[in-house]
Amino acid sequence: MVAGVALYIGLFIAQGAFMISILYAAIIGSLILIGLASRLFASNEEQAKKYEMILIWCCLLTFAIYGLLFAGGVI
């Protein structure tokens, strides 16, 4: 899971470097992913599973939105 977070943060930063107009959004997205990923190391297993599912859906939705924006010519 941490590798997936690192991949998406890399994508955010790469897109932010190529398009300065989305740099702030890339930074905010990276911070959100880091915050959710840090919750995976909670001592409460049930809470960790909840945040893991939130993180998985965030990654999937981010990929889908990126694909739609790329296909639409926005990115």
Protein backbone atom coordinates (compact mmCIF):
# COMPACT_ATOMS: atom_id res chain seq x y z
CA MET A 1 0.00 0.00 0.00
CA VAL A 2 2.82 2.36 0.83
CA ALA A 3 4.35 1.70 -2.60
CA GLY A 4 1.05 2.69 -4.22
CA VAL A 5 0.97 5.91 -2.23
CA ALA A 6 4.54 6.65 -3.29
CA LEU A 7 3.60 6.03 -6.93
CA TYR A 8 0.65 8.41 -6.80
CA ILE A 9 2.68 11.08 -5.03
CA GLY A 10 5.27 10.71 -7.79
CA LEU A 11 2.54 11.16 -10.40
CA PHE A 12 1.20 14.22 -8.60
CA ILE A 13 4.62 15.84 -8.39
CA ALA A 14 5.53 14.95 -12.00
CA GLN A 15 2.33 16.50 -13.32
CA GLY A 16 2.85 19.51 -11.08
CA ALA A 17 6.35 19.96 -12.47
CA PHE A 18 5.12 19.84 -16.07
CA MET A 19 2.06 22.02 -15.48
CA ILE A 20 2.76 24.70 -12.90
CA SER A 21 -0.94 25.59 -12.81
CA ILE A 22 -1.75 22.33 -10.98
CA LEU A 23 1.26 22.37 -8.65
CA TYR A 24 -0.77 23.44 -5.61
CA ALA A 25 -3.37 20.74 -6.27
CA ALA A 26 -0.56 18.19 -6.58
CA ILE A 27 0.89 19.26 -3.26
CA ILE A 28 -2.49 19.10 -1.54
CA GLY A 29 -3.21 15.68 -3.04
CA SER A 30 0.18 14.44 -1.89
CA LEU A 31 -0.43 15.69 1.64
CA ILE A 32 -3.84 14.00 1.76
CA LEU A 33 -2.34 10.69 0.64
CA ILE A 34 0.49 10.97 3.16
CA GLY A 35 -2.02 11.71 5.91
CA LEU A 36 -4.17 8.71 5.03
CA ALA A 37 -1.16 6.42 4.64
CA SER A 38 0.16 7.40 8.05
CA ARG A 39 -3.11 6.22 9.58
CA LEU A 40 -2.40 2.69 8.32
CA PHE A 41 0.09 2.25 11.14
CA ALA A 42 -2.53 2.75 13.85
CA SER A 43 -2.60 0.28 16.71
CA ASN A 44 -6.33 -0.36 16.31
CA GLU A 45 -6.66 -2.94 13.52
CA GLU A 46 -10.28 -2.08 12.71
CA GLN A 47 -9.43 1.61 12.32
CA ALA A 48 -6.42 0.74 10.16
CA LYS A 49 -8.63 -1.34 7.84
CA LYS A 50 -11.06 1.56 7.52
CA TYR A 51 -8.32 3.96 6.49
CA GLU A 52 -6.85 1.35 4.15
CA MET A 53 -10.18 1.12 2.30
CA ILE A 54 -10.43 4.91 2.12
CA LEU A 55 -6.90 5.06 0.73
CA ILE A 56 -7.60 2.36 -1.87
CA TRP A 57 -10.68 4.21 -3.10
CA CYS A 58 -8.79 7.51 -3.20
CA CYS A 59 -6.11 5.91 -5.35
CA LEU A 60 -8.65 4.34 -7.69
CA LEU A 61 -10.66 7.52 -8.06
CA THR A 62 -7.51 9.57 -8.60
CA PHE A 63 -6.46 7.24 -11.40
CA ALA A 64 -9.93 7.37 -12.98
CA ILE A 65 -10.09 11.18 -12.81
CA TYR A 66 -6.58 11.43 -14.26
CA GLY A 67 -7.59 9.14 -17.13
CA LEU A 68 -10.72 11.16 -17.87
CA LEU A 69 -8.86 14.45 -17.80
CA PHE A 70 -6.11 13.06 -20.03
CA ALA A 71 -8.64 11.62 -22.48
CA GLY A 72 -10.53 14.91 -22.53
CA GLY A 73 -7.39 16.85 -23.37
CA VAL A 74 -7.31 18.85 -20.14
CA ILE A 75 -3.96 17.36 -19.11
